[in-house]
Amino acid sequence: MTQSAEDIAAARRIPLPRPGVGQDKARLAEILRVDHAGEFAAVHIYRAQRAVLEGRKGKDAIAADLTEMEGHEAVHLARFEALLTENRVRPTAMIPLWKLAATALGAGTALISEKAAHACTEAVESVIEKHYADQIEEVRERDPELAAELTKFREEELAHHDHAIEHGSREAPAYRLLSSVIKVGCKAAIKISERI
């Protein structure tokens, strides 16, 4: 059963608003910058996985799934690109590195196995949906429109997560290690992207 954003937020500490003039705008810039980076990376992970698996015998189903999930992430990415422009926020300076890392992660997990590709999705989406839940709770009152968009995106990320589990993510070789490494990498990328 999927937890609501409120249940998850209640279980974790949500950042308190920063004091001072202009801090809401600064925090919004961090949120948009990191969410744009995350969606950018997700598009490149799925694209790389699809490039490895598409056209391989017996891989039509996963290639179709990857195409669909990449499409969802591309919609999210386009929205964050528009929000960056509207709010005059620059993307993270780490975009070239995130593209390289996401492509390597996507291709690498797909080369290991189909289940490793699903394990990658599960790990990434588990971090991202929690990150979105925290942001939803944080902005709900001061920016309900953004909170609604983040809620929709979070639901799609949860669907990707659940789909990966249903398709054997936890049967991937060295699942626990793979999942842990990917989660740590995602959390580090979030912190870096907020600031740089």
Protein backbone atom coordinates (compact mmCIF):
# COMPACT_ATOMS: atom_id res chain seq x y z
CA MET A 1 0.00 0.00 0.00
CA THR A 2 1.32 3.43 -0.92
CA GLN A 3 1.74 6.04 1.81
CA SER A 4 0.34 9.52 1.39
CA ALA A 5 2.60 12.56 1.28
CA GLU A 6 1.22 13.58 4.69
CA ASP A 7 2.07 10.23 6.29
CA ILE A 8 5.61 10.31 4.93
CA ALA A 9 6.12 13.93 5.91
CA ALA A 10 4.89 13.22 9.43
CA ALA A 11 7.52 10.50 9.76
CA ARG A 12 10.35 12.82 8.70
CA ARG A 13 11.50 16.30 9.52
CA ILE A 14 10.47 18.88 6.95
CA PRO A 15 12.88 21.82 6.58
CA LEU A 16 11.68 24.92 8.38
CA PRO A 17 11.37 28.10 6.32
CA ARG A 18 14.50 30.21 6.43
CA PRO A 19 14.22 33.58 8.10
CA GLY A 20 14.94 36.76 6.20
CA VAL A 21 13.85 38.73 3.17
CA GLY A 22 14.01 36.79 -0.09
CA GLN A 23 14.43 33.40 1.52
CA ASP A 24 11.19 31.98 0.07
CA LYS A 25 12.49 32.88 -3.40
CA ALA A 26 15.88 31.33 -2.62
CA ARG A 27 14.25 28.13 -1.39
CA LEU A 28 12.00 27.98 -4.46
CA ALA A 29 15.13 28.27 -6.62
CA GLU A 30 16.68 25.31 -4.79
CA ILE A 31 13.52 23.23 -5.23
CA LEU A 32 13.22 23.98 -8.94
CA ARG A 33 16.93 23.47 -9.58
CA VAL A 34 17.08 20.07 -7.89
CA ASP A 35 13.79 18.83 -9.36
CA HIS A 36 14.88 19.85 -12.85
CA ALA A 37 18.18 18.00 -12.33
CA GLY A 38 16.38 14.89 -11.08
CA GLU A 39 14.00 14.76 -14.02
CA PHE A 40 16.87 15.45 -16.42
CA ALA A 41 18.78 12.51 -14.95
CA ALA A 42 15.70 10.25 -15.03
CA VAL A 43 15.19 10.91 -18.75
CA HIS A 44 18.81 9.96 -19.41
CA ILE A 45 18.67 6.82 -17.24
CA TYR A 46 15.61 5.51 -19.08
CA ARG A 47 16.99 6.57 -22.46
CA ALA A 48 20.25 4.67 -21.83
CA GLN A 49 18.42 1.58 -20.56
CA ARG A 50 16.18 1.63 -23.60
CA ALA A 51 19.17 2.00 -25.93
CA VAL A 52 20.69 -1.16 -24.45
CA LEU A 53 17.50 -3.25 -24.37
CA GLU A 54 15.52 -2.03 -27.38
CA GLY A 55 15.69 -4.39 -30.33
CA ARG A 56 17.03 -7.29 -28.28
CA LYS A 57 15.18 -10.55 -28.62
CA GLY A 58 12.59 -10.96 -25.88
CA LYS A 59 13.01 -7.40 -24.59
CA ASP A 60 10.07 -5.75 -26.37
CA ALA A 61 7.98 -5.47 -23.18
CA ILE A 62 10.66 -3.77 -21.09
CA ALA A 63 11.64 -1.51 -24.00
CA ALA A 64 8.00 -0.39 -24.26
CA ASP A 65 7.85 0.19 -20.49
CA LEU A 66 11.07 2.23 -20.59
CA THR A 67 9.74 4.31 -23.46
CA GLU A 68 6.56 5.06 -21.52
CA MET A 69 8.41 5.95 -18.29
CA GLU A 70 10.90 8.09 -20.19
CA GLY A 71 7.90 9.92 -21.66
CA HIS A 72 6.52 10.67 -18.19
CA GLU A 73 9.91 11.97 -17.07
CA ALA A 74 10.21 14.10 -20.23
CA VAL A 75 6.88 15.77 -19.37
CA HIS A 76 8.15 16.47 -15.84
CA LEU A 77 11.43 17.80 -17.23
CA ALA A 78 9.66 20.13 -19.65
CA ARG A 79 7.56 21.53 -16.82
CA PHE A 80 10.61 22.19 -14.64
CA GLU A 81 12.40 23.81 -17.59
CA ALA A 82 9.41 26.15 -17.93
CA LEU A 83 9.37 26.86 -14.19
CA LEU A 84 13.10 27.63 -14.20
CA THR A 85 12.52 30.14 -17.00
CA GLU A 86 9.42 31.69 -15.39
CA ASN A 87 11.19 32.14 -12.07
CA ARG A 88 14.53 33.16 -13.57
CA VAL A 89 16.37 30.30 -11.89
CA ARG A 90 19.47 28.81 -13.44
CA PRO A 91 19.76 25.02 -13.67
CA THR A 92 22.43 23.29 -11.65
CA ALA A 93 25.97 23.66 -12.95
CA MET A 94 26.24 19.88 -12.54
CA ILE A 95 24.00 19.08 -15.56
CA PRO A 96 26.89 17.80 -17.75
CA LEU A 97 28.09 15.51 -14.97
CA TRP A 98 24.56 14.32 -14.16
CA LYS A 99 24.01 13.48 -17.85
CA LEU A 100 27.16 11.38 -17.88
CA ALA A 101 26.35 9.69 -14.56
CA ALA A 102 22.71 8.99 -15.51
CA THR A 103 23.68 7.57 -18.88
CA ALA A 104 26.31 5.34 -17.28
CA LEU A 105 23.89 4.19 -14.58
CA GLY A 106 21.14 3.44 -17.09
CA ALA A 107 23.37 1.62 -19.54
CA GLY A 108 25.26 -0.21 -16.79
CA THR A 109 22.19 -1.57 -15.06
CA ALA A 110 20.58 -2.59 -18.37
CA LEU A 111 23.77 -4.41 -19.37
CA ILE A 112 23.75 -6.33 -16.07
CA SER A 113 20.19 -7.56 -16.56
CA GLU A 114 16.59 -6.55 -17.06
CA LYS A 115 16.00 -7.02 -13.33
CA ALA A 116 18.97 -4.77 -12.52
CA ALA A 117 17.38 -2.09 -14.72
CA HIS A 118 14.21 -2.47 -12.66
CA ALA A 119 16.26 -2.35 -9.43
CA CYS A 120 17.70 0.96 -10.63
CA THR A 121 14.19 2.32 -11.20
CA GLU A 122 13.01 1.14 -7.80
CA ALA A 123 16.00 2.70 -6.00
CA VAL A 124 15.86 6.03 -7.82
CA GLU A 125 12.11 6.39 -7.54
CA SER A 126 12.08 5.51 -3.84
CA VAL A 127 14.41 8.44 -3.15
CA ILE A 128 12.61 10.80 -5.52
CA GLU A 129 9.12 10.12 -4.24
CA LYS A 130 10.23 10.79 -0.65
CA HIS A 131 11.96 13.95 -1.81
CA TYR A 132 8.77 15.10 -3.55
CA ALA A 133 6.68 14.23 -0.46
CA ASP A 134 8.90 16.48 1.67
CA GLN A 135 8.67 19.30 -0.86
CA ILE A 136 4.88 18.95 -1.10
CA GLU A 137 4.57 19.31 2.65
CA GLU A 138 6.97 22.25 2.66
CA VAL A 139 5.24 24.29 -0.10
CA ARG A 140 1.62 23.17 0.38
CA GLU A 141 0.44 26.38 2.06
CA ARG A 142 2.60 28.99 0.37
CA ASP A 143 2.37 27.57 -3.18
CA PRO A 144 -0.60 25.18 -3.54
CA GLU A 145 -0.29 25.14 -7.33
CA LEU A 146 3.31 23.87 -7.18
CA ALA A 147 2.31 21.39 -4.46
CA ALA A 148 -0.42 20.01 -6.76
CA GLU A 149 2.04 19.59 -9.64
CA LEU A 150 4.57 17.89 -7.37
CA THR A 151 1.83 15.58 -6.08
CA LYS A 152 0.98 14.49 -9.63
CA PHE A 153 4.65 13.91 -10.44
CA ARG A 154 5.13 11.97 -7.19
CA GLU A 155 2.23 9.68 -8.06
CA GLU A 156 3.83 8.88 -11.42
CA GLU A 157 7.19 8.21 -9.74
CA LEU A 158 5.43 5.84 -7.31
CA ALA A 159 3.84 4.03 -10.24
CA HIS A 160 7.31 3.53 -11.79
CA HIS A 161 8.61 2.29 -8.42
CA ASP A 162 5.78 -0.19 -7.99
CA HIS A 163 6.06 -1.37 -11.60
CA ALA A 164 9.76 -2.10 -11.07
CA ILE A 165 9.01 -4.23 -8.00
CA GLU A 166 6.25 -6.11 -9.84
CA HIS A 167 8.76 -6.90 -12.61
CA GLY A 168 11.44 -8.42 -10.40
CA SER A 169 13.65 -5.56 -9.23
CA ARG A 170 14.39 -7.36 -5.97
CA GLU A 171 15.62 -10.42 -7.87
CA ALA A 172 18.46 -8.45 -9.47
CA PRO A 173 22.03 -9.65 -8.90
CA ALA A 174 23.46 -8.07 -5.73
CA TYR A 175 20.13 -6.25 -5.27
CA ARG A 176 20.84 -4.85 -1.80
CA LEU A 177 24.24 -3.48 -2.73
CA LEU A 178 23.04 -2.10 -6.06
CA SER A 179 20.02 -0.46 -4.46
CA SER A 180 22.04 1.05 -1.60
CA VAL A 181 24.70 2.51 -3.90
CA ILE A 182 22.09 4.05 -6.20
CA LYS A 183 20.14 5.54 -3.28
CA VAL A 184 23.27 7.08 -1.76
CA GLY A 185 24.20 8.54 -5.14
CA CYS A 186 20.70 10.02 -5.61
CA LYS A 187 20.71 11.61 -2.16
CA ALA A 188 24.13 13.13 -2.76
CA ALA A 189 23.04 14.46 -6.17
CA ILE A 190 20.00 16.09 -4.55
CA LYS A 191 22.11 17.93 -1.98
CA ILE A 192 24.66 19.04 -4.56
CA SER A 193 22.05 20.16 -7.10
CA GLU A 194 20.22 22.30 -4.56
CA ARG A 195 23.35 24.35 -3.96
CA ILE A 196 25.46 24.37 -7.10
